[in-house]
Protein backbone atom coordinates (compact mmCIF):
# COMPACT_ATOMS: atom_id res chain seq x y z
CA MET A 1 41.56 222.83 162.55
CA LYS A 2 39.92 226.53 162.30
CA LYS A 3 38.71 225.49 158.73
CA SER A 4 36.94 222.39 160.29
CA GLN A 5 35.73 224.60 163.10
CA LYS A 6 33.94 227.60 160.08
CA PHE A 7 32.89 223.95 158.16
CA GLN A 8 30.77 222.89 160.91
CA ARG A 9 29.59 226.22 161.74
CA ASP A 10 28.53 227.64 158.10
CA ALA A 11 26.65 223.68 157.59
CA VAL A 12 24.34 224.58 160.93
CA SER A 13 23.93 228.27 160.65
CA PRO A 14 21.13 228.08 158.23
CA PHE A 15 19.94 225.03 159.18
CA ARG A 16 19.72 227.63 162.44
CA ASP A 17 17.85 230.27 160.22
CA LYS A 18 15.71 228.46 159.01
CA LEU A 19 14.04 227.56 161.90
CA TRP A 20 14.29 230.99 163.70
CA ASP A 21 12.02 231.83 160.39
CA LEU A 22 9.96 228.55 160.79
CA PHE A 23 9.72 230.26 164.76
CA LYS A 24 8.47 233.97 163.63
CA GLU A 25 6.02 232.14 160.70
CA GLN A 26 4.21 229.80 163.08
CA ALA A 27 4.06 232.76 166.38
CA LYS A 28 2.63 235.21 163.41
CA GLY A 29 -0.88 236.70 163.97
CA MET A 30 -0.56 234.62 167.69
CA ASP A 31 -1.01 236.88 170.81
CA GLY A 32 2.46 237.41 172.98
CA SER A 33 1.20 235.14 175.38
CA ASP A 34 0.64 232.75 173.56
CA VAL A 35 3.77 232.28 172.70
CA VAL A 36 5.25 232.68 176.10
CA THR A 37 3.63 229.96 176.87
CA ALA A 38 4.31 228.25 174.20
CA LEU A 39 8.30 228.73 175.02
CA LYS A 40 7.83 227.77 178.73
CA GLN A 41 5.92 224.49 177.79
CA ALA A 42 8.98 224.07 175.78
CA GLY A 43 11.37 224.89 178.74
CA GLU A 44 9.48 222.28 180.93
CA GLU A 45 9.91 219.58 178.37
CA ILE A 46 13.52 220.55 177.88
CA TRP A 47 14.13 220.57 180.98
CA ALA A 48 11.75 217.61 182.12
CA VAL A 49 13.96 215.08 179.49
CA GLY A 50 17.09 215.97 181.75
CA ILE A 51 18.77 217.82 178.43
CA ASP A 52 19.53 221.02 180.17
CA ASP A 53 20.69 219.78 182.95
CA THR A 54 23.15 217.80 180.66
CA TYR A 55 24.58 220.62 178.49
CA SER A 56 24.78 222.16 181.88
CA SER A 57 26.89 219.63 183.47
CA MET A 58 29.21 219.74 180.59
CA SER A 59 32.52 221.07 180.72
CA HIS A 60 32.75 222.31 177.20
CA GLN A 61 30.00 223.88 176.99
CA ASP A 62 31.98 226.84 174.80
CA ASP A 63 31.81 224.54 171.77
CA GLU A 64 30.15 226.06 169.25
CA PRO A 65 28.89 222.68 167.78
CA LEU A 66 27.11 221.68 171.89
CA GLY A 67 25.93 225.07 171.79
CA ASN A 68 24.71 224.25 168.13
CA ALA A 69 23.08 221.14 168.93
CA PHE A 70 20.96 222.63 172.32
CA ASP A 71 19.77 226.24 169.99
CA ILE A 72 18.27 223.60 167.00
CA THR A 73 16.66 221.25 169.99
CA TRP A 74 14.69 223.76 171.85
CA LEU A 75 13.78 225.61 168.48
CA THR A 76 11.99 222.36 167.07
CA VAL A 77 10.12 222.26 170.46
CA VAL A 78 9.28 225.73 170.91
CA CYS A 79 8.34 225.12 166.70
CA ILE A 80 5.92 222.02 167.46
CA LYS A 81 4.79 223.72 170.63
CA LEU A 82 3.46 226.81 167.90
CA LYS A 83 1.74 224.53 165.87
CA GLU A 84 -0.26 222.30 168.61
CA MET A 85 -1.47 225.72 169.72
CA LYS A 86 -2.64 226.39 166.74
CA GLN A 87 -4.25 223.45 165.64
CA GLY A 88 -5.83 224.44 168.50
CA LYS A 89 -4.07 222.37 171.13
CA LYS A 90 -4.65 223.18 174.45
CA PRO A 91 -0.58 223.06 176.19
CA ARG A 92 -0.21 221.85 179.89
CA VAL A 93 1.64 224.26 181.57
CA ARG A 94 2.90 222.28 184.69
CA ILE A 95 5.44 225.08 186.14
CA ARG A 96 3.58 227.53 188.11
CA ASN A 97 4.53 231.33 189.41
């Protein structure tokens, strides 16, 4: 069983690492406040579709494959938001402080 879990982690980690590299690339040259806005908007969109609530309500949150799926989803949305901002699209942040 441990061998199977190790395989899943090893298969996903390189992909997740590539997403982190893409995040770094997309954020390069942007103002820190722009990156924060992209993070905030991504968080709002994940919340709006219920992904965070679904993850929070699962009884086996400590399962690595489940955590990887959430991480990959979140990182993908953040990279998309950063790319959109670089293309000149103004983000809509719905949550106000």
